[in-house]
């Protein structure tokens, strides 16, 4: 069987300031350890943006003062997201109404 190329799962989130501290505590103590325990998840690390975000939309440049949290996971394949363990762990739970998020899998070309 041919070895699959690992993929990167990138999760970005903007959090309402009213729940930011509780969300960070939950993510660090509950969510990230649960994700790292899933089969097919190789590693994971969290980051937070600093300073203004530069945006370009159809040639128009602007900046936005928004804190964005990013978690980068290395996973074995896109099928990792389909395991029962990953499906059970996935979600924002009681924070979902306070989050604007994006999740995507990137595969090495």
N, C-alpha and C. Protein backbone atom coordinates (compact mmCIF):
# COMPACT_ATOMS: atom_id res chain seq x y z
N UNK A 1 0.84 -1.18 0.00
CA UNK A 1 0.00 0.00 0.00
C UNK A 1 0.88 1.24 0.00
N UNK A 2 0.56 2.21 -0.85
CA UNK A 2 1.34 3.44 -0.94
C UNK A 2 1.08 4.31 0.29
N UNK A 3 2.13 4.94 0.77
CA UNK A 3 2.01 5.83 1.92
C UNK A 3 1.31 7.12 1.50
N UNK A 4 0.33 7.57 2.29
CA UNK A 4 -0.37 8.81 1.99
C UNK A 4 0.44 10.00 2.46
N UNK A 5 0.32 11.09 1.73
CA UNK A 5 0.97 12.33 2.12
C UNK A 5 0.17 12.97 3.25
N UNK A 6 0.81 13.33 4.36
CA UNK A 6 0.08 14.00 5.43
C UNK A 6 -0.57 15.29 4.94
N UNK A 7 -1.63 15.65 5.62
CA UNK A 7 -2.36 16.87 5.30
C UNK A 7 -2.30 17.82 6.49
N UNK A 8 -2.65 19.05 6.23
CA UNK A 8 -2.75 20.06 7.27
C UNK A 8 -4.22 20.44 7.40
N UNK A 9 -4.73 20.42 8.62
CA UNK A 9 -6.07 20.91 8.92
C UNK A 9 -5.89 22.26 9.59
N UNK A 10 -6.47 23.30 9.01
CA UNK A 10 -6.34 24.65 9.55
C UNK A 10 -7.71 25.12 10.01
N UNK A 11 -7.78 25.53 11.27
CA UNK A 11 -9.02 26.04 11.85
C UNK A 11 -8.76 27.47 12.31
N UNK A 12 -9.52 28.41 11.78
CA UNK A 12 -9.40 29.80 12.23
C UNK A 12 -10.70 30.21 12.90
N UNK A 13 -10.58 31.05 13.92
CA UNK A 13 -11.76 31.46 14.67
C UNK A 13 -11.60 32.88 15.19
N UNK A 14 -12.69 33.63 15.08
CA UNK A 14 -12.81 34.93 15.72
C UNK A 14 -13.82 34.74 16.83
N UNK A 15 -13.47 35.15 18.04
CA UNK A 15 -14.27 34.88 19.23
C UNK A 15 -14.80 36.18 19.82
N UNK A 16 -16.08 36.19 20.20
CA UNK A 16 -16.62 37.35 20.91
C UNK A 16 -15.81 37.57 22.18
N UNK A 17 -15.45 38.81 22.43
CA UNK A 17 -14.63 39.14 23.61
C UNK A 17 -15.30 38.70 24.91
N UNK A 18 -16.62 38.65 24.93
CA UNK A 18 -17.34 38.29 26.16
C UNK A 18 -17.09 36.86 26.62
N UNK A 19 -16.66 35.97 25.71
CA UNK A 19 -16.41 34.57 26.07
C UNK A 19 -14.98 34.13 25.76
N UNK A 20 -14.14 35.06 25.37
CA UNK A 20 -12.79 34.73 24.91
C UNK A 20 -11.97 33.97 25.96
N UNK A 21 -11.97 34.41 27.20
CA UNK A 21 -11.18 33.74 28.23
C UNK A 21 -11.69 32.31 28.47
N UNK A 22 -13.01 32.15 28.59
CA UNK A 22 -13.59 30.83 28.80
C UNK A 22 -13.33 29.93 27.60
N UNK A 23 -13.42 30.47 26.40
CA UNK A 23 -13.18 29.69 25.18
C UNK A 23 -11.72 29.22 25.13
N UNK A 24 -10.78 30.10 25.43
CA UNK A 24 -9.36 29.70 25.43
C UNK A 24 -9.09 28.61 26.46
N UNK A 25 -9.68 28.72 27.64
CA UNK A 25 -9.50 27.70 28.66
C UNK A 25 -10.07 26.35 28.17
N UNK A 26 -11.28 26.38 27.62
CA UNK A 26 -11.90 25.16 27.09
C UNK A 26 -11.06 24.57 25.95
N UNK A 27 -10.59 25.43 25.04
CA UNK A 27 -9.83 24.93 23.89
C UNK A 27 -8.53 24.28 24.35
N UNK A 28 -7.81 24.93 25.26
CA UNK A 28 -6.53 24.41 25.74
C UNK A 28 -6.67 23.16 26.60
N UNK A 29 -7.69 23.11 27.45
CA UNK A 29 -7.80 22.03 28.42
C UNK A 29 -8.70 20.87 27.98
N UNK A 30 -9.63 21.12 27.05
CA UNK A 30 -10.57 20.08 26.64
C UNK A 30 -10.43 19.76 25.16
N UNK A 31 -10.65 20.76 24.32
CA UNK A 31 -10.76 20.52 22.88
C UNK A 31 -9.45 20.07 22.23
N UNK A 32 -8.38 20.78 22.46
CA UNK A 32 -7.11 20.42 21.83
C UNK A 32 -6.62 19.04 22.28
N UNK A 33 -6.63 18.72 23.58
CA UNK A 33 -6.23 17.36 23.97
C UNK A 33 -7.12 16.28 23.35
N UNK A 34 -8.43 16.54 23.23
CA UNK A 34 -9.33 15.56 22.62
C UNK A 34 -9.00 15.38 21.14
N UNK A 35 -8.70 16.47 20.46
CA UNK A 35 -8.34 16.39 19.04
C UNK A 35 -7.04 15.61 18.86
N UNK A 36 -6.06 15.88 19.70
CA UNK A 36 -4.76 15.21 19.59
C UNK A 36 -4.85 13.72 19.91
N UNK A 37 -5.89 13.31 20.63
CA UNK A 37 -6.07 11.90 20.97
C UNK A 37 -6.76 11.11 19.86
N UNK A 38 -7.27 11.80 18.84
CA UNK A 38 -7.98 11.13 17.76
C UNK A 38 -7.01 10.38 16.85
N UNK A 39 -7.41 9.19 16.38
CA UNK A 39 -6.55 8.47 15.45
C UNK A 39 -6.38 9.28 14.16
N UNK A 40 -5.15 9.32 13.68
CA UNK A 40 -4.86 10.05 12.45
C UNK A 40 -4.43 11.49 12.67
N UNK A 41 -4.56 12.00 13.89
CA UNK A 41 -4.07 13.36 14.20
C UNK A 41 -2.64 13.21 14.69
N UNK A 42 -1.70 13.79 13.95
CA UNK A 42 -0.28 13.64 14.23
C UNK A 42 0.20 14.69 15.24
N UNK A 43 -0.21 15.94 15.03
CA UNK A 43 0.21 17.02 15.92
C UNK A 43 -0.76 18.18 15.78
N UNK A 44 -0.63 19.14 16.69
CA UNK A 44 -1.47 20.34 16.62
C UNK A 44 -0.85 21.45 17.44
N UNK A 45 -1.01 22.68 16.97
CA UNK A 45 -0.49 23.85 17.68
C UNK A 45 -1.42 25.02 17.46
N UNK A 46 -1.58 25.85 18.50
CA UNK A 46 -2.45 27.04 18.42
C UNK A 46 -1.62 28.30 18.26
N UNK A 47 -2.21 29.25 17.55
CA UNK A 47 -1.59 30.55 17.31
C UNK A 47 -2.66 31.62 17.46
N UNK A 48 -2.23 32.85 17.73
CA UNK A 48 -3.15 33.98 17.74
C UNK A 48 -2.48 35.12 16.98
N UNK A 49 -3.28 35.85 16.20
CA UNK A 49 -2.74 36.94 15.40
C UNK A 49 -2.34 38.10 16.29
N UNK A 50 -1.38 38.87 15.80
CA UNK A 50 -0.96 40.08 16.49
C UNK A 50 -1.03 41.23 15.50
N UNK A 51 -1.51 42.35 15.93
CA UNK A 51 -1.61 43.51 15.05
C UNK A 51 -2.78 43.42 14.10
N UNK A 52 -2.85 44.38 13.19
CA UNK A 52 -3.93 44.45 12.21
C UNK A 52 -3.77 43.37 11.15
N UNK A 53 -4.91 42.88 10.66
CA UNK A 53 -4.91 41.93 9.54
C UNK A 53 -5.05 42.73 8.25
N UNK A 54 -4.20 42.44 7.29
CA UNK A 54 -4.27 43.08 5.97
C UNK A 54 -5.19 42.24 5.09
N UNK A 55 -6.14 42.91 4.42
CA UNK A 55 -7.07 42.21 3.54
C UNK A 55 -7.01 42.83 2.14
N UNK A 56 -7.11 41.97 1.14
CA UNK A 56 -7.23 42.45 -0.24
C UNK A 56 -8.46 41.78 -0.83
N UNK A 57 -9.39 42.59 -1.31
CA UNK A 57 -10.62 42.08 -1.90
C UNK A 57 -10.80 42.73 -3.26
N UNK A 58 -10.59 41.95 -4.31
CA UNK A 58 -10.70 42.44 -5.69
C UNK A 58 -9.86 43.69 -5.92
N UNK A 59 -8.63 43.65 -5.43
CA UNK A 59 -7.70 44.75 -5.64
C UNK A 59 -7.77 45.86 -4.61
N UNK A 60 -8.77 45.84 -3.75
CA UNK A 60 -8.92 46.86 -2.71
C UNK A 60 -8.26 46.38 -1.43
N UNK A 61 -7.30 47.14 -0.94
CA UNK A 61 -6.59 46.78 0.29
C UNK A 61 -7.21 47.50 1.48
N UNK A 62 -7.34 46.77 2.58
CA UNK A 62 -7.82 47.36 3.82
C UNK A 62 -7.18 46.62 4.99
N UNK A 63 -7.35 47.16 6.17
CA UNK A 63 -6.86 46.48 7.37
C UNK A 63 -8.04 46.30 8.32
N UNK A 64 -7.88 45.31 9.17
CA UNK A 64 -8.94 44.98 10.11
C UNK A 64 -8.29 44.66 11.45
N UNK A 65 -8.79 45.29 12.50
CA UNK A 65 -8.26 45.06 13.85
C UNK A 65 -9.08 43.95 14.50
N UNK A 66 -8.79 42.72 14.14
CA UNK A 66 -9.51 41.57 14.66
C UNK A 66 -8.52 40.52 15.11
N UNK A 67 -8.72 40.00 16.31
CA UNK A 67 -7.88 38.92 16.81
C UNK A 67 -8.39 37.62 16.21
N UNK A 68 -7.50 36.88 15.55
CA UNK A 68 -7.86 35.61 14.94
C UNK A 68 -7.02 34.50 15.55
N UNK A 69 -7.71 33.48 16.04
CA UNK A 69 -7.06 32.30 16.57
C UNK A 69 -6.95 31.27 15.45
N UNK A 70 -5.79 30.65 15.32
CA UNK A 70 -5.58 29.63 14.30
C UNK A 70 -4.97 28.40 14.96
N UNK A 71 -5.55 27.24 14.66
CA UNK A 71 -4.97 25.98 15.10
C UNK A 71 -4.58 25.22 13.84
N UNK A 72 -3.35 24.73 13.82
CA UNK A 72 -2.83 23.97 12.69
C UNK A 72 -2.57 22.55 13.18
N UNK A 73 -3.28 21.61 12.56
CA UNK A 73 -3.10 20.20 12.87
C UNK A 73 -2.45 19.51 11.69
N UNK A 74 -1.53 18.60 11.95
CA UNK A 74 -1.05 17.70 10.91
C UNK A 74 -1.86 16.42 11.07
N UNK A 75 -2.50 16.00 9.98
CA UNK A 75 -3.33 14.80 10.00
C UNK A 75 -2.86 13.84 8.91
N UNK A 76 -3.15 12.57 9.10
CA UNK A 76 -2.70 11.56 8.14
C UNK A 76 -3.36 11.70 6.78
N UNK A 77 -4.64 12.03 6.76
CA UNK A 77 -5.37 12.17 5.49
C UNK A 77 -6.70 12.85 5.76
N UNK A 78 -7.42 13.28 4.72
CA UNK A 78 -8.75 13.85 4.94
C UNK A 78 -9.70 12.87 5.63
N UNK A 79 -9.45 11.56 5.51
CA UNK A 79 -10.31 10.57 6.15
C UNK A 79 -10.22 10.62 7.67
N UNK A 80 -9.18 11.24 8.20
CA UNK A 80 -9.06 11.42 9.66
C UNK A 80 -10.29 12.12 10.21
N UNK A 81 -10.83 13.06 9.45
CA UNK A 81 -12.00 13.82 9.90
C UNK A 81 -13.27 12.98 9.92
N UNK A 82 -13.22 11.80 9.33
CA UNK A 82 -14.39 10.93 9.25
C UNK A 82 -14.42 9.84 10.32
N UNK A 83 -13.37 9.78 11.15
CA UNK A 83 -13.35 8.75 12.19
C UNK A 83 -14.41 9.07 13.25
N UNK A 84 -14.95 8.04 13.90
CA UNK A 84 -15.94 8.28 14.96
C UNK A 84 -15.39 9.17 16.08
N UNK A 85 -14.12 9.01 16.41
CA UNK A 85 -13.50 9.81 17.47
C UNK A 85 -13.45 11.29 17.09
N UNK A 86 -13.07 11.57 15.85
CA UNK A 86 -12.97 12.97 15.41
C UNK A 86 -14.36 13.59 15.34
N UNK A 87 -15.32 12.84 14.79
CA UNK A 87 -16.69 13.37 14.70
C UNK A 87 -17.26 13.67 16.08
N UNK A 88 -16.97 12.82 17.07
CA UNK A 88 -17.47 13.04 18.43
C UNK A 88 -16.84 14.25 19.08
N UNK A 89 -15.60 14.55 18.76
CA UNK A 89 -14.85 15.65 19.37
C UNK A 89 -15.19 16.98 18.69
N UNK A 90 -15.50 16.94 17.41
CA UNK A 90 -15.66 18.14 16.60
C UNK A 90 -16.83 19.00 17.07
N UNK A 91 -16.65 20.30 17.02
CA UNK A 91 -17.73 21.23 17.35
C UNK A 91 -17.31 22.28 18.37
N UNK A 92 -18.08 23.32 18.44
CA UNK A 92 -17.77 24.44 19.34
C UNK A 92 -18.64 24.42 20.59
N UNK A 93 -19.62 23.52 20.64
CA UNK A 93 -20.49 23.34 21.79
C UNK A 93 -21.15 24.64 22.21
N UNK A 94 -21.08 25.00 23.47
CA UNK A 94 -21.80 26.18 23.97
C UNK A 94 -21.18 27.50 23.49
N UNK A 95 -20.10 27.45 22.74
CA UNK A 95 -19.49 28.67 22.21
C UNK A 95 -19.93 28.98 20.78
N UNK A 96 -20.69 28.11 20.15
CA UNK A 96 -20.98 28.23 18.72
C UNK A 96 -21.63 29.56 18.33
N UNK A 97 -22.45 30.13 19.19
CA UNK A 97 -23.09 31.41 18.86
C UNK A 97 -22.13 32.59 18.98
N UNK A 98 -20.93 32.36 19.49
CA UNK A 98 -19.97 33.43 19.74
C UNK A 98 -18.75 33.34 18.82
N UNK A 99 -18.83 32.47 17.81
CA UNK A 99 -17.66 32.20 16.98
C UNK A 99 -17.96 32.38 15.50
N UNK A 100 -17.02 32.98 14.81
CA UNK A 100 -17.01 33.01 13.35
C UNK A 100 -15.76 32.20 12.98
N UNK A 101 -15.95 31.05 12.30
CA UNK A 101 -14.82 30.14 12.09
C UNK A 101 -14.78 29.62 10.67
N UNK A 102 -13.59 29.11 10.33
CA UNK A 102 -13.38 28.47 9.03
C UNK A 102 -12.46 27.28 9.26
N UNK A 103 -12.80 26.16 8.63
CA UNK A 103 -12.00 24.94 8.74
C UNK A 103 -11.70 24.45 7.34
N UNK A 104 -10.43 24.11 7.07
CA UNK A 104 -10.11 23.57 5.76
C UNK A 104 -8.92 22.62 5.85
N UNK A 105 -8.90 21.64 4.95
CA UNK A 105 -7.82 20.68 4.85
C UNK A 105 -6.97 21.05 3.65
N UNK A 106 -5.66 21.11 3.86
CA UNK A 106 -4.72 21.37 2.78
C UNK A 106 -3.86 20.14 2.60
N UNK A 107 -3.67 19.74 1.32
CA UNK A 107 -2.88 18.58 1.02
C UNK A 107 -1.66 19.00 0.21
N UNK A 108 -0.52 18.42 0.52
CA UNK A 108 0.72 18.72 -0.17
C UNK A 108 0.60 18.38 -1.65
N UNK A 109 1.02 19.30 -2.50
CA UNK A 109 0.98 19.06 -3.95
C UNK A 109 2.11 18.18 -4.40
